[in-house]
Amino acid sequence: MTILPRETEKATVLLMAGSMGARDLGQLHRHLVGLLTARRTRIVLDFSDVDHVGYHDAAKLVREFELVHSYAGEMRVAGLSPYVRNILLLAGLHGFLDTNTHDVGTYKGLASSHNLRAS
């Protein structure tokens, strides 16, 4: 999986591409800790180019939401395909996604992630 941070006027957007597994969650965690340490507490996870998330790994995303919240931060999700959204919902993220899922266009200045797979 590729994770590429982009700054916008409203938030830091983590553009992600590929399939997400346990190792990728560690990479995401390191990105989040770095952002929170730098006091960047408005974060958007752009799943537009994520084609699969392992069910057991998806359940671990709850910890990342809790981490951001513990820093008085806000993390939102954008660009979920119906397939990935269903995996996240089945893994227990329904409480996080219902109020935190947005269309990618909501975030002005959001860079396209379509070239991430080639990186």
PDB file of N, CA and C in Angstrom:
ATOM      1  N   MET A   1       0.844  -1.177   0.000  1.00  0.00           N
ATOM      2  CA  MET A   1       0.000   0.000   0.000  1.00  0.00           C
ATOM      3  C   MET A   1       0.884   1.233   0.000  1.00  0.00           C
ATOM      4  N   THR A   2       0.432   2.231  -0.706  1.00  0.00           N
ATOM      5  CA  THR A   2       1.106   3.518  -0.749  1.00  0.00           C
ATOM      6  C   THR A   2       0.295   4.516   0.065  1.00  0.00           C
ATOM      7  N   ILE A   3       0.965   5.308   0.892  1.00  0.00           N
ATOM      8  CA  ILE A   3       0.311   6.384   1.644  1.00  0.00           C
ATOM      9  C   ILE A   3       1.080   7.659   1.355  1.00  0.00           C
ATOM     10  N   LEU A   4       0.379   8.649   0.840  1.00  0.00           N
ATOM     11  CA  LEU A   4       0.993   9.911   0.459  1.00  0.00           C
ATOM     12  C   LEU A   4       0.266  11.063   1.144  1.00  0.00           C
ATOM     13  N   PRO A   5       0.944  11.794   2.037  1.00  0.00           N
ATOM     14  CA  PRO A   5       0.282  12.924   2.717  1.00  0.00           C
ATOM     15  C   PRO A   5       0.203  14.149   1.821  1.00  0.00           C
ATOM     16  N   ARG A   6      -0.911  14.855   1.895  1.00  0.00           N
ATOM     17  CA  ARG A   6      -1.124  16.115   1.185  1.00  0.00           C
ATOM     18  C   ARG A   6      -1.786  17.102   2.141  1.00  0.00           C
ATOM     19  N   GLU A   7      -1.292  18.314   2.128  1.00  0.00           N
ATOM     20  CA  GLU A   7      -1.889  19.364   2.954  1.00  0.00           C
ATOM     21  C   GLU A   7      -2.938  20.113   2.134  1.00  0.00           C
ATOM     22  N   THR A   8      -4.081  20.378   2.735  1.00  0.00           N
ATOM     23  CA  THR A   8      -5.103  21.213   2.113  1.00  0.00           C
ATOM     24  C   THR A   8      -5.398  22.357   3.075  1.00  0.00           C
ATOM     25  N   GLU A   9      -6.289  23.237   2.666  1.00  0.00           N
ATOM     26  CA  GLU A   9      -6.670  24.344   3.535  1.00  0.00           C
ATOM     27  C   GLU A   9      -7.386  23.850   4.790  1.00  0.00           C
ATOM     28  N   LYS A  10      -8.079  22.743   4.681  1.00  0.00           N
ATOM     29  CA  LYS A  10      -8.913  22.260   5.777  1.00  0.00           C
ATOM     30  C   LYS A  10      -8.294  21.148   6.616  1.00  0.00           C
ATOM     31  N   ALA A  11      -7.390  20.344   6.026  1.00  0.00           N
ATOM     32  CA  ALA A  11      -6.909  19.164   6.748  1.00  0.00           C
ATOM     33  C   ALA A  11      -5.659  18.603   6.080  1.00  0.00           C
ATOM     34  N   THR A  12      -5.050  17.650   6.749  1.00  0.00           N
ATOM     35  CA  THR A  12      -4.019  16.832   6.125  1.00  0.00           C
ATOM     36  C   THR A  12      -4.724  15.608   5.574  1.00  0.00           C
ATOM     37  N   VAL A  13      -4.518  15.353   4.297  1.00  0.00           N
ATOM     38  CA  VAL A  13      -5.155  14.223   3.637  1.00  0.00           C
ATOM     39  C   VAL A  13      -4.100  13.155   3.401  1.00  0.00           C
ATOM     40  N   LEU A  14      -4.397  11.942   3.846  1.00  0.00           N
ATOM     41  CA  LEU A  14      -3.525  10.812   3.561  1.00  0.00           C
ATOM     42  C   LEU A  14      -4.149  10.037   2.409  1.00  0.00           C
ATOM     43  N   LEU A  15      -3.547  10.205   1.223  1.00  0.00           N
ATOM     44  CA  LEU A  15      -4.007   9.519   0.024  1.00  0.00           C
ATOM     45  C   LEU A  15      -3.454   8.101   0.062  1.00  0.00           C
ATOM     46  N   MET A  16      -4.336   7.122  -0.047  1.00  0.00           N
ATOM     47  CA  MET A  16      -3.906   5.732   0.074  1.00  0.00           C
ATOM     48  C   MET A  16      -4.307   4.959  -1.177  1.00  0.00           C
ATOM     49  N   ALA A  17      -3.470   3.979  -1.546  1.00  0.00           N
ATOM     50  CA  ALA A  17      -3.761   3.159  -2.713  1.00  0.00           C
ATOM     51  C   ALA A  17      -3.278   1.739  -2.485  1.00  0.00           C
ATOM     52  N   GLY A  18      -4.033   0.784  -3.017  1.00  0.00           N
ATOM     53  CA  GLY A  18      -3.652  -0.616  -2.921  1.00  0.00           C
ATOM     54  C   GLY A  18      -4.522  -1.365  -1.935  1.00  0.00           C
ATOM     55  N   SER A  19      -3.977  -2.447  -1.413  1.00  0.00           N
ATOM     56  CA  SER A  19      -4.670  -3.260  -0.415  1.00  0.00           C
ATOM     57  C   SER A  19      -4.064  -3.001   0.948  1.00  0.00           C
ATOM     58  N   MET A  20      -4.915  -2.913   1.972  1.00  0.00           N
ATOM     59  CA  MET A  20      -4.445  -2.604   3.321  1.00  0.00           C
ATOM     60  C   MET A  20      -4.398  -3.870   4.159  1.00  0.00           C
ATOM     61  N   GLY A  21      -3.211  -4.133   4.714  1.00  0.00           N
ATOM     62  CA  GLY A  21      -3.021  -5.265   5.614  1.00  0.00           C
ATOM     63  C   GLY A  21      -2.381  -4.797   6.903  1.00  0.00           C
ATOM     64  N   ALA A  22      -1.950  -5.738   7.727  1.00  0.00           N
ATOM     65  CA  ALA A  22      -1.383  -5.422   9.043  1.00  0.00           C
ATOM     66  C   ALA A  22      -0.160  -4.516   8.933  1.00  0.00           C
ATOM     67  N   ARG A  23       0.747  -4.795   8.003  1.00  0.00           N
ATOM     68  CA  ARG A  23       1.949  -3.979   7.851  1.00  0.00           C
ATOM     69  C   ARG A  23       1.589  -2.535   7.464  1.00  0.00           C
ATOM     70  N   ASP A  24       0.564  -2.416   6.637  1.00  0.00           N
ATOM     71  CA  ASP A  24       0.130  -1.094   6.199  1.00  0.00           C
ATOM     72  C   ASP A  24      -0.481  -0.294   7.349  1.00  0.00           C
ATOM     73  N   LEU A  25      -1.123  -0.979   8.278  1.00  0.00           N
ATOM     74  CA  LEU A  25      -1.661  -0.288   9.453  1.00  0.00           C
ATOM     75  C   LEU A  25      -0.535   0.291  10.292  1.00  0.00           C
ATOM     76  N   GLY A  26       0.581  -0.404  10.369  1.00  0.00           N
ATOM     77  CA  GLY A  26       1.746   0.140  11.071  1.00  0.00           C
ATOM     78  C   GLY A  26       2.256   1.398  10.390  1.00  0.00           C
ATOM     79  N   GLN A  27       2.290   1.375   9.068  1.00  0.00           N
ATOM     80  CA  GLN A  27       2.707   2.553   8.295  1.00  0.00           C
ATOM     81  C   GLN A  27       1.729   3.698   8.519  1.00  0.00           C
ATOM     82  N   LEU A  28       0.429   3.420   8.492  1.00  0.00           N
ATOM     83  CA  LEU A  28      -0.581   4.445   8.742  1.00  0.00           C
ATOM     84  C   LEU A  28      -0.419   5.015  10.145  1.00  0.00           C
ATOM     85  N   HIS A  29      -0.198   4.140  11.116  1.00  0.00           N
ATOM     86  CA  HIS A  29      -0.020   4.579  12.499  1.00  0.00           C
ATOM     87  C   HIS A  29       1.153   5.557  12.614  1.00  0.00           C
ATOM     88  N   ARG A  30       2.268   5.244  11.960  1.00  0.00           N
ATOM     89  CA  ARG A  30       3.437   6.137  12.009  1.00  0.00           C
ATOM     90  C   ARG A  30       3.118   7.496  11.382  1.00  0.00           C
ATOM     91  N   HIS A  31       2.371   7.495  10.280  1.00  0.00           N
ATOM     92  CA  HIS A  31       1.960   8.766   9.671  1.00  0.00           C
ATOM     93  C   HIS A  31       1.106   9.574  10.650  1.00  0.00           C
ATOM     94  N   LEU A  32       0.152   8.914  11.280  1.00  0.00           N
ATOM     95  CA  LEU A  32      -0.748   9.604  12.208  1.00  0.00           C
ATOM     96  C   LEU A  32       0.007  10.162  13.408  1.00  0.00           C
ATOM     97  N   VAL A  33       0.904   9.386  13.980  1.00  0.00           N
ATOM     98  CA  VAL A  33       1.694   9.865  15.123  1.00  0.00           C
ATOM     99  C   VAL A  33       2.514  11.088  14.713  1.00  0.00           C
ATOM    100  N   GLY A  34       3.118  11.043  13.535  1.00  0.00           N
ATOM    101  CA  GLY A  34       3.889  12.191  13.052  1.00  0.00           C
ATOM    102  C   GLY A  34       3.030  13.435  12.893  1.00  0.00           C
ATOM    103  N   LEU A  35       1.834  13.265  12.350  1.00  0.00           N
ATOM    104  CA  LEU A  35       0.928  14.406  12.181  1.00  0.00           C
ATOM    105  C   LEU A  35       0.488  14.961  13.528  1.00  0.00           C
ATOM    106  N   LEU A  36       0.128  14.085  14.438  1.00  0.00           N
ATOM    107  CA  LEU A  36      -0.341  14.528  15.751  1.00  0.00           C
ATOM    108  C   LEU A  36       0.770  15.210  16.532  1.00  0.00           C
ATOM    109  N   THR A  37       1.982  14.698  16.417  1.00  0.00           N
ATOM    110  CA  THR A  37       3.130  15.318  17.086  1.00  0.00           C
ATOM    111  C   THR A  37       3.378  16.722  16.534  1.00  0.00           C
ATOM    112  N   ALA A  38       3.109  16.899  15.241  1.00  0.00           N
ATOM    113  CA  ALA A  38       3.270  18.210  14.599  1.00  0.00           C
ATOM    114  C   ALA A  38       2.024  19.083  14.765  1.00  0.00           C
ATOM    115  N   ARG A  39       1.095  18.619  15.599  1.00  0.00           N
ATOM    116  CA  ARG A  39      -0.148  19.348  15.892  1.00  0.00           C
ATOM    117  C   ARG A  39      -1.058  19.507  14.666  1.00  0.00           C
ATOM    118  N   ARG A  40      -0.990  18.552  13.767  1.00  0.00           N
ATOM    119  CA  ARG A  40      -1.907  18.490  12.612  1.00  0.00           C
ATOM    120  C   ARG A  40      -3.016  17.519  13.023  1.00  0.00           C
ATOM    121  N   THR A  41      -4.093  18.061  13.588  1.00  0.00           N
ATOM    122  CA  THR A  41      -5.111  17.210  14.201  1.00  0.00           C
ATOM    123  C   THR A  41      -6.370  17.047  13.351  1.00  0.00           C
ATOM    124  N   ARG A  42      -6.423  17.663  12.192  1.00  0.00           N
ATOM    125  CA  ARG A  42      -7.542  17.449  11.265  1.00  0.00           C
ATOM    126  C   ARG A  42      -7.012  16.576  10.140  1.00  0.00           C
ATOM    127  N   ILE A  43      -7.473  15.329  10.114  1.00  0.00           N
ATOM    128  CA  ILE A  43      -6.915  14.333   9.212  1.00  0.00           C
ATOM    129  C   ILE A  43      -8.035  13.664   8.417  1.00  0.00           C
ATOM    130  N   VAL A  44      -7.774  13.474   7.128  1.00  0.00           N
ATOM    131  CA  VAL A  44      -8.706  12.762   6.256  1.00  0.00           C
ATOM    132  C   VAL A  44      -7.977  11.565   5.661  1.00  0.00           C
ATOM    133  N   LEU A  45      -8.567  10.391   5.782  1.00  0.00           N
ATOM    134  CA  LEU A  45      -8.045   9.201   5.121  1.00  0.00           C
ATOM    135  C   LEU A  45      -8.793   9.054   3.802  1.00  0.00           C
ATOM    136  N   ASP A  46      -8.088   9.227   2.687  1.00  0.00           N
ATOM    137  CA  ASP A  46      -8.707   9.115   1.368  1.00  0.00           C
ATOM    138  C   ASP A  46      -8.525   7.685   0.859  1.00  0.00           C
ATOM    139  N   PHE A  47      -9.608   6.923   0.879  1.00  0.00           N
ATOM    140  CA  PHE A  47      -9.604   5.532   0.464  1.00  0.00           C
ATOM    141  C   PHE A  47      -9.954   5.356  -1.013  1.00  0.00           C
ATOM    142  N   SER A  48      -9.931   6.417  -1.806  1.00  0.00           N
ATOM    143  CA  SER A  48     -10.370   6.350  -3.203  1.00  0.00           C
ATOM    144  C   SER A  48      -9.703   5.249  -4.003  1.00  0.00           C
ATOM    145  N   ASP A  49      -8.430   5.003  -3.763  1.00  0.00           N
ATOM    146  CA  ASP A  49      -7.704   3.992  -4.526  1.00  0.00           C
ATOM    147  C   ASP A  49      -7.362   2.751  -3.704  1.00  0.00           C
ATOM    148  N   VAL A  50      -8.081   2.541  -2.600  1.00  0.00           N
ATOM    149  CA  VAL A  50      -7.895   1.324  -1.805  1.00  0.00           C
ATOM    150  C   VAL A  50      -8.878   0.288  -2.336  1.00  0.00           C
ATOM    151  N   ASP A  51      -8.346  -0.843  -2.788  1.00  0.00           N
ATOM    152  CA  ASP A  51      -9.219  -1.853  -3.380  1.00  0.00           C
ATOM    153  C   ASP A  51      -9.608  -2.967  -2.413  1.00  0.00           C
ATOM    154  N   HIS A  52      -8.887  -3.109  -1.309  1.00  0.00           N
ATOM    155  CA  HIS A  52      -9.230  -4.151  -0.347  1.00  0.00           C
ATOM    156  C   HIS A  52      -8.631  -3.815   1.018  1.00  0.00           C
ATOM    157  N   VAL A  53      -9.374  -4.147   2.061  1.00  0.00           N
ATOM    158  CA  VAL A  53      -8.887  -4.055   3.438  1.00  0.00           C
ATOM    159  C   VAL A  53      -9.200  -5.394   4.085  1.00  0.00           C
ATOM    160  N   GLY A  54      -8.182  -6.020   4.661  1.00  0.00           N
ATOM    161  CA  GLY A  54      -8.412  -7.282   5.361  1.00  0.00           C
ATOM    162  C   GLY A  54      -9.373  -7.080   6.525  1.00  0.00           C
ATOM    163  N   TYR A  55     -10.312  -7.994   6.692  1.00  0.00           N
ATOM    164  CA  TYR A  55     -11.339  -7.870   7.727  1.00  0.00           C
ATOM    165  C   TYR A  55     -10.735  -7.682   9.121  1.00  0.00           C
ATOM    166  N   HIS A  56      -9.780  -8.510   9.487  1.00  0.00           N
ATOM    167  CA  HIS A  56      -9.184  -8.421  10.823  1.00  0.00           C
ATOM    168  C   HIS A  56      -8.374  -7.132  10.971  1.00  0.00           C
ATOM    169  N   ASP A  57      -7.748  -6.698   9.903  1.00  0.00           N
ATOM    170  CA  ASP A  57      -6.983  -5.459   9.941  1.00  0.00           C
ATOM    171  C   ASP A  57      -7.908  -4.248  10.031  1.00  0.00           C
ATOM    172  N   ALA A  58      -9.049  -4.333   9.376  1.00  0.00           N
ATOM    173  CA  ALA A  58     -10.010  -3.229   9.407  1.00  0.00           C
ATOM    174  C   ALA A  58     -10.461  -2.942  10.833  1.00  0.00           C
ATOM    175  N   ALA A  59     -10.656  -3.990  11.614  1.00  0.00           N
ATOM    176  CA  ALA A  59     -11.098  -3.805  13.002  1.00  0.00           C
ATOM    177  C   ALA A  59     -10.073  -3.005  13.802  1.00  0.00           C
ATOM    178  N   LYS A  60      -8.808  -3.108  13.426  1.00  0.00           N
ATOM    179  CA  LYS A  60      -7.748  -2.386  14.131  1.00  0.00           C
ATOM    180  C   LYS A  60      -7.746  -0.890  13.817  1.00  0.00           C
ATOM    181  N   LEU A  61      -8.459  -0.473  12.788  1.00  0.00           N
ATOM    182  CA  LEU A  61      -8.550   0.959  12.478  1.00  0.00           C
ATOM    183  C   LEU A  61      -9.219   1.752  13.601  1.00  0.00           C
ATOM    184  N   VAL A  62     -10.046   1.076  14.381  1.00  0.00           N
ATOM    185  CA  VAL A  62     -10.704   1.746  15.512  1.00  0.00           C
ATOM    186  C   VAL A  62      -9.655   2.381  16.417  1.00  0.00           C
ATOM    187  N   ARG A  63      -8.554   1.682  16.645  1.00  0.00           N
ATOM    188  CA  ARG A  63      -7.488   2.216  17.506  1.00  0.00           C
ATOM    189  C   ARG A  63      -6.913   3.511  16.947  1.00  0.00           C
ATOM    190  N   GLU A  64      -6.857   3.609  15.622  1.00  0.00           N
ATOM    191  CA  GLU A  64      -6.306   4.829  15.015  1.00  0.00           C
ATOM    192  C   GLU A  64      -7.261   6.006  15.203  1.00  0.00           C
ATOM    193  N   PHE A  65      -8.557   5.755  15.091  1.00  0.00           N
ATOM    194  CA  PHE A  65      -9.538   6.803  15.386  1.00  0.00           C
ATOM    195  C   PHE A  65      -9.413   7.240  16.842  1.00  0.00           C
ATOM    196  N   GLU A  66      -9.265   6.282  17.741  1.00  0.00           N
ATOM    197  CA  GLU A  66      -9.129   6.592  19.170  1.00  0.00           C
ATOM    198  C   GLU A  66      -7.847   7.367  19.448  1.00  0.00           C
ATOM    199  N   LEU A  67      -6.759   7.022  18.764  1.00  0.00           N
ATOM    200  CA  LEU A  67      -5.500   7.749  18.921  1.00  0.00           C
ATOM    201  C   LEU A  67      -5.675   9.216  18.541  1.00  0.00           C
ATOM    202  N   VAL A  68      -6.242   9.460  17.383  1.00  0.00           N
ATOM    203  CA  VAL A  68      -6.443  10.842  16.925  1.00  0.00           C
ATOM    204  C   VAL A  68      -7.353  11.583  17.900  1.00  0.00           C
ATOM    205  N   HIS A  69      -8.401  10.935  18.350  1.00  0.00           N
ATOM    206  CA  HIS A  69      -9.326  11.560  19.306  1.00  0.00           C
ATOM    207  C   HIS A  69      -8.622  11.894  20.622  1.00  0.00           C
ATOM    208  N   SER A  70      -7.681  11.054  21.050  1.00  0.00           N
ATOM    209  CA  SER A  70      -6.968  11.305  22.312  1.00  0.00           C
ATOM    210  C   SER A  70      -6.108  12.566  22.242  1.00  0.00           C
ATOM    211  N   TYR A  71      -5.786  13.013  21.052  1.00  0.00           N
ATOM    212  CA  TYR A  71      -5.044  14.264  20.854  1.00  0.00           C
ATOM    213  C   TYR A  71      -5.987  15.424  20.554  1.00  0.00           C
ATOM    214  N   ALA A  72      -7.267  15.247  20.860  1.00  0.00           N
ATOM    215  CA  ALA A  72      -8.306  16.237  20.566  1.00  0.00           C
ATOM    216  C   ALA A  72      -8.378  16.508  19.070  1.00  0.00           C
ATOM    217  N   GLY A  73      -8.100  15.472  18.300  1.00  0.00           N
ATOM    218  CA  GLY A  73      -8.123  15.590  16.852  1.00  0.00           C
ATOM    219  C   GLY A  73      -9.394  15.034  16.257  1.00  0.00           C
ATOM    220  N   GLU A  74      -9.484  15.191  14.943  1.00  0.00           N
ATOM    221  CA  GLU A  74     -10.643  14.722  14.195  1.00  0.00           C
ATOM    222  C   GLU A  74     -10.131  13.984  12.963  1.00  0.00           C
ATOM    223  N   MET A  75     -10.563  12.752  12.792  1.00  0.00           N
ATOM    224  CA  MET A  75     -10.183  11.992  11.609  1.00  0.00           C
ATOM    225  C   MET A  75     -11.442  11.588  10.866  1.00  0.00           C
ATOM    226  N   ARG A  76     -11.419  11.837   9.570  1.00  0.00           N
ATOM    227  CA  ARG A  76     -12.554  11.503   8.711  1.00  0.00           C
ATOM    228  C   ARG A  76     -12.090  10.575   7.604  1.00  0.00           C
ATOM    229  N   VAL A  77     -13.042   9.922   6.986  1.00  0.00           N
ATOM    230  CA  VAL A  77     -12.765   8.997   5.896  1.00  0.00           C
ATOM    231  C   VAL A  77     -13.476   9.510   4.654  1.00  0.00           C
ATOM    232  N   ALA A  78     -12.801   9.436   3.513  1.00  0.00           N
ATOM    233  CA  ALA A  78     -13.388   9.863   2.247  1.00  0.00           C
ATOM    234  C   ALA A  78     -13.078   8.822   1.179  1.00  0.00           C
ATOM    235  N   GLY A  79     -13.920   8.789   0.152  1.00  0.00           N
ATOM    236  CA  GLY A  79     -13.649   7.992  -1.029  1.00  0.00           C
ATOM    237  C   GLY A  79     -13.794   6.491  -0.885  1.00  0.00           C
ATOM    238  N   LEU A  80     -14.621   6.031   0.036  1.00  0.00           N
ATOM    239  CA  LEU A  80     -14.802   4.589   0.210  1.00  0.00           C
ATOM    240  C   LEU A  80     -15.628   3.993  -0.932  1.00  0.00           C
ATOM    241  N   SER A  81     -15.139   2.912  -1.508  1.00  0.00           N
ATOM    242  CA  SER A  81     -15.964   2.161  -2.457  1.00  0.00           C
ATOM    243  C   SER A  81     -16.996   1.400  -1.635  1.00  0.00           C
ATOM    244  N   PRO A  82     -18.105   1.009  -2.238  1.00  0.00           N
ATOM    245  CA  PRO A  82     -19.091   0.217  -1.484  1.00  0.00           C
ATOM    246  C   PRO A  82     -18.473  -1.060  -0.905  1.00  0.00           C
ATOM    247  N   TYR A  83     -17.578  -1.700  -1.638  1.00  0.00           N
ATOM    248  CA  TYR A  83     -16.931  -2.933  -1.177  1.00  0.00           C
ATOM    249  C   TYR A  83     -16.101  -2.690   0.083  1.00  0.00           C
ATOM    250  N   VAL A  84     -15.227  -1.686   0.052  1.00  0.00           N
ATOM    251  CA  VAL A  84     -14.369  -1.393   1.208  1.00  0.00           C
ATOM    252  C   VAL A  84     -15.215  -0.888   2.368  1.00  0.00           C
ATOM    253  N   ARG A  85     -16.206  -0.073   2.088  1.00  0.00           N
ATOM    254  CA  ARG A  85     -17.094   0.416   3.146  1.00  0.00           C
ATOM    255  C   ARG A  85     -17.754  -0.756   3.873  1.00  0.00           C
ATOM    256  N   ASN A  86     -18.235  -1.749   3.122  1.00  0.00           N
ATOM    257  CA  ASN A  86     -18.881  -2.907   3.744  1.00  0.00           C
ATOM    258  C   ASN A  86     -17.913  -3.686   4.617  1.00  0.00           C
ATOM    259  N   ILE A  87     -16.673  -3.835   4.177  1.00  0.00           N
ATOM    260  CA  ILE A  87     -15.677  -4.521   5.000  1.00  0.00           C
ATOM    261  C   ILE A  87     -15.488  -3.763   6.314  1.00  0.00           C
ATOM    262  N   LEU A  88     -15.359  -2.449   6.230  1.00  0.00           N
ATOM    263  CA  LEU A  88     -15.152  -1.644   7.439  1.00  0.00           C
ATOM    264  C   LEU A  88     -16.364  -1.715   8.359  1.00  0.00           C
ATOM    265  N   LEU A  89     -17.554  -1.689   7.784  1.00  0.00           N
ATOM    266  CA  LEU A  89     -18.761  -1.789   8.602  1.00  0.00           C
ATOM    267  C   LEU A  89     -18.851  -3.147   9.298  1.00  0.00           C
ATOM    268  N   LEU A  90     -18.563  -4.212   8.554  1.00  0.00           N
ATOM    269  CA  LEU A  90     -18.609  -5.552   9.142  1.00  0.00           C
ATOM    270  C   LEU A  90     -17.546  -5.744  10.213  1.00  0.00           C
ATOM    271  N   ALA A  91     -16.450  -4.997  10.102  1.00  0.00           N
ATOM    272  CA  ALA A  91     -15.365  -5.103  11.084  1.00  0.00           C
ATOM    273  C   ALA A  91     -15.637  -4.285  12.338  1.00  0.00           C
ATOM    274  N   GLY A  92     -16.759  -3.575  12.373  1.00  0.00           N
ATOM    275  CA  GLY A  92     -17.141  -2.855  13.583  1.00  0.00           C
ATOM    276  C   GLY A  92     -16.884  -1.365  13.572  1.00  0.00           C
ATOM    277  N   LEU A  93     -16.639  -0.781  12.421  1.00  0.00           N
ATOM    278  CA  LEU A  93     -16.375   0.653  12.363  1.00  0.00           C
ATOM    279  C   LEU A  93     -17.630   1.479  12.084  1.00  0.00           C
ATOM    280  N   HIS A  94     -18.807   0.878  12.200  1.00  0.00           N
ATOM    281  CA  HIS A  94     -20.041   1.590  11.879  1.00  0.00           C
ATOM    282  C   HIS A  94     -20.186   2.889  12.662  1.00  0.00           C
ATOM    283  N   GLY A  95     -19.803   2.931  13.898  1.00  0.00           N
ATOM    284  CA  GLY A  95     -19.911   4.153  14.704  1.00  0.00           C
ATOM    285  C   GLY A  95     -18.964   5.245  14.242  1.00  0.00           C
ATOM    286  N   PHE A  96     -17.878   4.864  13.612  1.00  0.00           N
ATOM    287  CA  PHE A  96     -16.904   5.839  13.133  1.00  0.00           C
ATOM    288  C   PHE A  96     -17.231   6.312  11.726  1.00  0.00           C
ATOM    289  N   LEU A  97     -17.773   5.442  10.902  1.00  0.00           N
ATOM    290  CA  LEU A  97     -17.991   5.784   9.500  1.00  0.00           C
ATOM    291  C   LEU A  97     -19.258   6.571   9.260  1.00  0.00           C
ATOM    292  N   ASP A  98     -20.311   6.309  10.013  1.00  0.00           N
ATOM    293  CA  ASP A  98     -21.578   6.988   9.749  1.00  0.00           C
ATOM    294  C   ASP A  98     -21.453   8.497   9.812  1.00  0.00           C
ATOM    295  N   THR A  99     -20.680   9.006  10.749  1.00  0.00           N
ATOM    296  CA  THR A  99     -20.559  10.455  10.884  1.00  0.00           C
ATOM    297  C   THR A  99     -19.237  10.982  10.349  1.00  0.00           C
ATOM    298  N   ASN A 100     -18.357  10.095   9.934  1.00  0.00           N
ATOM    299  CA  ASN A 100     -17.027  10.534   9.511  1.00  0.00           C
ATOM    300  C   ASN A 100     -16.705  10.226   8.057  1.00  0.00           C
ATOM    301  N   THR A 101     -17.673   9.836   7.263  1.00  0.00           N
ATOM    302  CA  THR A 101     -17.421   9.502   5.865  1.00  0.00           C
ATOM    303  C   THR A 101     -17.936  10.621   4.985  1.00  0.00           C
ATOM    304  N   HIS A 102     -17.084  11.062   4.089  1.00  0.00           N
ATOM    305  CA  HIS A 102     -17.438  12.179   3.226  1.00  0.00           C
ATOM    306  C   HIS A 102     -16.970  11.923   1.808  1.00  0.00           C
ATOM    307  N   ASP A 103     -17.577  12.628   0.898  1.00  0.00           N
ATOM    308  CA  ASP A 103     -17.134  12.611  -0.482  1.00  0.00           C
ATOM    309  C   ASP A 103     -15.785  13.308  -0.553  1.00  0.00           C
ATOM    310  N   VAL A 104     -14.895  12.791  -1.377  1.00  0.00           N
ATOM    311  CA  VAL A 104     -13.560  13.352  -1.496  1.00  0.00           C
ATOM    312  C   VAL A 104     -13.626  14.834  -1.864  1.00  0.00           C
ATOM    313  N   GLY A 105     -14.581  15.234  -2.676  1.00  0.00           N
ATOM    314  CA  GLY A 105     -14.707  16.624  -3.100  1.00  0.00           C
ATOM    315  C   GLY A 105     -15.014  17.588  -1.974  1.00  0.00           C
ATOM    316  N   THR A 106     -15.373  17.087  -0.805  1.00  0.00           N
ATOM    317  CA  THR A 106     -15.666  17.937   0.352  1.00  0.00           C
ATOM    318  C   THR A 106     -14.443  18.729   0.785  1.00  0.00           C
ATOM    319  N   TYR A 107     -13.270  18.191   0.530  1.00  0.00           N
ATOM    320  CA  TYR A 107     -12.044  18.817   1.012  1.00  0.00           C
ATOM    321  C   TYR A 107     -11.362  19.584  -0.098  1.00  0.00           C
ATOM    322  N   LYS A 108     -11.553  20.905  -0.075  1.00  0.00           N
ATOM    323  CA  LYS A 108     -11.002  21.781  -1.102  1.00  0.00           C
ATOM    324  C   LYS A 108      -9.489  21.582  -1.193  1.00  0.00           C
ATOM    325  N   GLY A 109      -9.006  21.456  -2.404  1.00  0.00           N
ATOM    326  CA  GLY A 109      -7.576  21.309  -2.614  1.00  0.00           C
ATOM    327  C   GLY A 109      -7.100  19.881  -2.503  1.00  0.00           C
ATOM    328  N   LEU A 110      -8.007  18.938  -2.394  1.00  0.00           N
ATOM    329  CA  LEU A 110      -7.620  17.539  -2.276  1.00  0.00           C
ATOM    330  C   LEU A 110      -6.987  17.079  -3.580  1.00  0.00           C
ATOM    331  N   ALA A 111      -5.770  16.606  -3.504  1.00  0.00           N
ATOM    332  CA  ALA A 111      -5.058  16.142  -4.695  1.00  0.00           C
ATOM    333  C   ALA A 111      -5.588  14.780  -5.109  1.00  0.00           C
ATOM    334  N   SER A 112      -5.594  14.528  -6.386  1.00  0.00           N
ATOM    335  CA  SER A 112      -6.018  13.237  -6.895  1.00  0.00           C
ATOM    336  C   SER A 112      -4.999  12.177  -6.537  1.00  0.00           C
ATOM    337  N   SER A 113      -5.477  11.006  -6.193  1.00  0.00           N
ATOM    338  CA  SER A 113      -4.579   9.915  -5.831  1.00  0.00           C
ATOM    339  C   SER A 113      -4.426   8.899  -6.962  1.00  0.00           C
ATOM    340  N   HIS A 114      -4.931   9.213  -8.150  1.00  0.00           N
ATOM    341  CA  HIS A 114      -4.942   8.231  -9.230  1.00  0.00           C
ATOM    342  C   HIS A 114      -3.559   7.780  -9.654  1.00  0.00           C
ATOM    343  N   ASN A 115      -2.517   8.516  -9.394  1.00  0.00           N
ATOM    344  CA  ASN A 115      -1.185   8.112  -9.795  1.00  0.00           C
ATOM    345  C   ASN A 115      -0.428   7.383  -8.692  1.00  0.00           C
ATOM    346  N   LEU A 116      -1.052   7.136  -7.562  1.00  0.00           N
ATOM    347  CA  LEU A 116      -0.360   6.497  -6.457  1.00  0.00           C
ATOM    348  C   LEU A 116       0.066   5.072  -6.758  1.00  0.00           C
ATOM    349  N   ARG A 117      -0.729   4.345  -7.494  1.00  0.00           N
ATOM    350  CA  ARG A 117      -0.408   2.945  -7.762  1.00  0.00           C
ATOM    351  C   ARG A 117       0.883   2.800  -8.555  1.00  0.00           C
ATOM    352  N   ALA A 118       1.176   3.778  -9.380  1.00  0.00           N
ATOM    353  CA  ALA A 118       2.396   3.720 -10.181  1.00  0.00           C
ATOM    354  C   ALA A 118       3.642   4.081  -9.381  1.00  0.00           C
ATOM    355  N   SER A 119       3.458   4.706  -8.202  1.00  0.00           N
ATOM    356  CA  SER A 119       4.601   5.130  -7.389  1.00  0.00           C
ATOM    357  C   SER A 119       5.301   3.961  -6.747  1.00  0.00           C
TER     358      SER A 119
END
